[in-house]
Protein backbone atom coordinates (compact mmCIF):
# COMPACT_ATOMS: atom_id res chain seq x y z
CA MET A 1 -4.66 2.28 -91.16
CA TRP A 2 -2.92 -0.05 -88.72
CA GLN A 3 -1.85 -2.58 -91.33
CA SER A 4 -0.19 0.13 -93.43
CA LEU A 5 2.01 1.44 -90.60
CA GLU A 6 5.72 0.71 -90.52
CA ILE A 7 6.70 -1.78 -87.82
CA PRO A 8 8.51 0.82 -85.67
CA TRP A 9 5.35 2.93 -85.49
CA GLN A 10 3.24 -0.10 -84.66
CA ILE A 11 5.58 -0.94 -81.79
CA CYS A 12 5.56 2.65 -80.53
CA PHE A 13 1.79 2.64 -80.27
CA GLU A 14 1.66 -0.84 -78.76
CA GLU A 15 3.94 0.48 -76.04
CA ALA A 16 1.89 3.67 -75.65
CA TRP A 17 -1.28 1.63 -75.21
CA GLU A 18 0.42 -0.56 -72.60
CA ALA A 19 1.38 2.60 -70.73
CA TYR A 20 -2.22 3.83 -70.82
CA CYS A 21 -3.52 0.47 -69.63
CA ASN A 22 -1.14 0.62 -66.67
CA GLY A 23 -2.00 4.16 -65.64
CA SER A 24 1.07 5.86 -67.08
CA ILE A 25 1.26 8.55 -69.76
CA PRO A 26 0.50 6.89 -73.12
CA ILE A 27 3.86 7.37 -74.79
CA GLY A 28 5.87 4.62 -76.42
CA ALA A 29 9.22 4.49 -78.21
CA VAL A 30 11.47 2.13 -80.12
CA LEU A 31 15.08 2.16 -81.30
CA VAL A 32 15.89 0.50 -84.64
CA ASP A 33 18.96 -0.07 -86.79
CA GLU A 34 19.38 0.78 -90.47
CA GLN A 35 17.47 -2.35 -91.50
CA ASN A 36 14.59 -1.53 -89.12
CA ASN A 37 15.61 -4.34 -86.78
CA ILE A 38 14.47 -3.66 -83.23
CA VAL A 39 17.29 -2.71 -80.87
CA SER A 40 15.08 -1.85 -77.87
CA ARG A 41 11.54 -0.77 -77.08
CA GLY A 42 9.95 0.91 -74.07
CA ARG A 43 7.22 3.08 -72.65
CA ASN A 44 6.40 5.62 -70.02
CA ARG A 45 6.31 4.02 -66.54
CA ILE A 46 6.17 7.02 -64.22
CA ASN A 47 3.11 5.78 -62.33
CA GLU A 48 4.14 2.14 -62.03
CA THR A 49 5.95 0.02 -59.47
CA TYR A 50 7.57 -2.49 -61.82
CA ALA A 51 10.02 -2.16 -64.69
CA PRO A 52 12.02 -4.80 -66.58
CA VAL A 53 15.77 -5.02 -66.11
CA LYS A 54 17.60 -1.92 -67.42
CA GLN A 55 14.45 0.21 -67.25
CA THR A 56 13.07 2.55 -64.59
CA CYS A 57 9.63 3.19 -63.11
CA GLY A 58 7.82 5.06 -60.37
CA ASN A 59 9.67 8.34 -60.84
CA LYS A 60 9.57 11.43 -63.05
CA LEU A 61 12.48 10.18 -65.15
CA ALA A 62 10.64 7.05 -66.31
CA HIS A 63 9.90 8.36 -69.79
CA ALA A 64 9.55 6.12 -72.83
CA GLU A 65 12.70 7.37 -74.55
CA ILE A 66 14.75 7.01 -71.35
CA ASN A 67 13.61 3.41 -70.94
CA VAL A 68 14.54 2.68 -74.55
CA LEU A 69 18.01 4.21 -74.26
CA MET A 70 18.81 2.62 -70.89
CA GLN A 71 18.62 -0.84 -72.43
CA VAL A 72 21.44 -0.20 -74.89
CA SER A 73 25.01 -1.00 -73.83
CA LYS A 74 27.61 1.76 -73.85
CA GLU A 75 29.56 -0.16 -76.51
CA THR A 76 26.72 0.12 -79.03
CA GLN A 77 27.37 2.51 -81.88
CA MET A 78 24.18 4.56 -81.86
CA ARG A 79 24.98 7.02 -84.61
CA ASN A 80 23.26 4.88 -87.25
CA LEU A 81 20.20 4.12 -85.11
CA THR A 82 16.79 5.77 -85.32
CA LEU A 83 14.58 6.51 -82.33
CA TYR A 84 10.85 6.54 -83.02
CA THR A 85 8.51 7.97 -80.38
CA THR A 86 4.82 8.80 -80.26
CA THR A 87 5.44 12.29 -78.84
CA GLU A 88 8.08 14.96 -79.35
CA PRO A 89 10.90 14.24 -76.88
CA CYS A 90 10.90 16.53 -73.86
CA ILE A 91 13.98 18.40 -72.67
CA LEU A 92 15.01 15.43 -70.51
CA CYS A 93 14.70 12.94 -73.35
CA PHE A 94 16.28 15.19 -75.93
CA GLY A 95 19.27 15.57 -73.63
CA ALA A 96 19.52 11.79 -73.32
CA ILE A 97 19.34 11.45 -77.09
CA VAL A 98 22.17 13.96 -77.45
CA MET A 99 24.37 12.24 -74.87
CA CYS A 100 23.77 8.81 -76.42
CA ASN A 101 24.60 10.21 -79.88
CA VAL A 102 21.47 8.85 -81.58
CA GLY A 103 21.65 9.95 -85.21
CA LYS A 104 17.99 10.18 -86.16
CA VAL A 105 14.72 10.81 -84.32
CA ARG A 106 11.16 10.62 -85.65
CA TYR A 107 8.15 11.62 -83.53
CA SER A 108 4.45 11.78 -84.36
CA ALA A 109 2.90 14.38 -82.01
CA LYS A 110 4.27 17.89 -81.49
CA ASP A 111 4.38 19.15 -77.92
CA LEU A 112 4.46 22.95 -77.66
CA LEU A 113 4.48 22.83 -73.86
CA ALA A 114 7.20 20.29 -73.08
CA GLY A 115 8.82 19.41 -76.40
CA GLY A 116 12.57 19.82 -76.60
CA SER A 117 13.32 19.36 -80.31
CA ASN A 118 13.91 23.11 -80.71
CA LEU A 119 17.09 22.63 -78.68
CA ASN A 120 18.56 21.04 -81.78
CA ASN A 121 18.82 24.60 -83.16
CA SER A 122 19.97 26.27 -79.96
CA ASN A 123 23.47 27.29 -81.14
CA ASN A 124 24.93 24.98 -78.51
CA THR A 125 28.26 23.77 -79.84
CA PHE A 126 27.98 20.30 -78.35
CA ILE A 127 24.47 19.73 -79.71
CA GLU A 128 25.40 21.14 -83.13
CA GLY A 129 28.29 18.70 -83.28
CA ARG A 130 25.94 15.75 -82.89
CA LEU A 131 24.18 16.55 -86.19
CA ILE A 132 20.91 14.99 -85.02
CA ASP A 133 18.25 14.54 -87.69
CA ILE A 134 15.06 15.08 -85.67
CA GLN A 135 11.71 15.53 -87.41
CA CYS A 136 8.00 15.40 -86.76
CA ASP A 137 6.60 12.57 -88.89
CA GLN A 138 3.22 10.94 -89.53
CA LYS A 139 0.82 13.84 -88.88
CA ARG A 140 -2.15 11.49 -88.61
CA LEU A 141 -0.43 9.47 -85.90
CA GLY A 142 0.20 12.72 -84.06
CA GLU A 143 -3.54 13.36 -84.04
CA ILE A 144 -4.22 9.82 -82.82
CA GLN A 145 -1.63 10.21 -80.07
CA ARG A 146 -3.37 13.38 -78.94
CA VAL A 147 -6.70 11.56 -78.65
CA LEU A 148 -5.08 9.04 -76.30
CA ARG A 149 -3.29 11.74 -74.33
CA THR A 150 -6.43 13.90 -74.01
CA ASP A 151 -8.32 11.01 -72.43
CA TYR A 152 -5.41 10.34 -70.07
CA ILE A 153 -5.20 13.98 -69.01
CA LEU A 154 -8.92 14.23 -68.28
CA ARG A 155 -8.87 10.92 -66.42
CA TYR A 156 -5.87 11.41 -64.16
CA LEU A 157 -5.10 15.12 -63.75
CA ASN A 158 -6.89 17.85 -61.82
CA LYS A 159 -9.15 20.19 -63.77
CA GLU A 160 -6.83 23.19 -63.75
CA THR A 161 -3.80 21.24 -64.98
CA ALA A 162 -5.89 19.40 -67.56
CA GLN A 163 -7.26 22.63 -68.99
CA LYS A 164 -3.77 24.12 -69.28
CA LEU A 165 -2.37 21.10 -71.10
CA LEU A 166 -5.31 20.69 -73.44
CA TYR A 167 -5.21 24.38 -74.31
CA GLY A 168 -1.59 23.88 -75.36
CA PHE A 169 -2.46 20.85 -77.48
CA THR A 170 -5.40 22.55 -79.21
CA GLU A 171 -3.24 24.84 -81.34
CA ASP A 172 -1.82 21.92 -83.32
CA TYR A 173 -4.51 19.29 -82.79
CA PRO A 174 -7.93 20.92 -82.26
CA GLU A 175 -9.99 18.10 -83.76
CA ALA A 176 -8.03 15.41 -81.92
CA VAL A 177 -8.50 17.14 -78.57
CA GLU A 178 -12.25 17.42 -79.16
CA LEU A 179 -12.45 13.77 -80.16
CA GLY A 180 -10.44 12.82 -77.08
CA LYS A 181 -12.94 14.70 -74.93
CA ARG A 182 -15.86 12.89 -76.56
CA TRP A 183 -14.18 9.52 -76.14
CA PHE A 184 -13.52 10.33 -72.49
CA ASP A 185 -17.18 11.23 -71.93
CA LEU A 186 -18.19 7.95 -73.58
CA ASN A 187 -15.48 6.03 -71.65
CA LYS A 188 -14.41 4.39 -74.90
CA LEU A 189 -10.75 3.83 -74.08
CA GLU A 190 -11.55 2.34 -70.69
CA HIS A 191 -14.02 0.04 -72.42
CA ALA A 192 -11.31 -0.95 -74.90
CA LYS A 193 -8.89 -1.57 -72.04
CA GLN A 194 -11.35 -3.71 -70.09
CA ASN A 195 -12.13 -5.76 -73.19
CA GLY A 196 -8.50 -6.29 -74.12
CA TYR A 197 -8.65 -4.49 -77.47
CA HIS A 198 -5.44 -4.30 -79.47
CA ILE A 199 -4.20 -0.79 -80.19
CA GLY A 200 -4.56 -1.47 -83.91
CA LYS A 201 -8.33 -1.66 -83.56
CA ILE A 202 -8.35 1.57 -81.57
CA ILE A 203 -6.17 3.41 -84.08
CA ASP A 204 -8.37 2.32 -86.97
CA GLU A 205 -11.48 3.58 -85.18
CA ILE A 206 -9.92 6.92 -84.25
CA ASN A 207 -8.68 7.34 -87.82
CA GLN A 208 -12.19 6.82 -89.13
CA GLU A 209 -13.66 9.41 -86.77
CA LEU A 210 -11.10 12.10 -87.58
CA SER A 211 -11.82 14.09 -90.73
């Protein structure tokens, strides 16, 4: 599966895997131009103490999409750019997308609990005027993202919070959540991390295990 993915999606998941390996939420994003040239790339860094120049870390604003958008100068015309992200942008990130006037957004995993894409149809005059094309894309990648996120949730969050989040994910991704639980019990992602596996190998294996 990995070899068939478009480059922006490959970069998103490389960034998501880096986030996981550094103890942050496994979400990655990339901004590309009309020719799919990379403008900027970034990942979630909320649990980290280092971030490159023009990115943020160690706080609740250090989301993947925020770190991607912060790298772009205010002179850049962003209307013709596309933001790819492994997970539906939250309210914070959707607001940043609106304010930066990004024209197109593609995400792989829906997020019924924190997703903010519904705000695009909120009858807000300012948002309506932006004419943002935001869509859920690559259903299979959404399932794969949920396997990674399920492991992260079980590994780092308390039981009550984990159960609440996973219950919310189950509606759209029941098989992925169950696979994520099995992988967590088997410690497969930690094994992959310790052995320096590339995310492509992990995605191919998850894809094979999903029906």
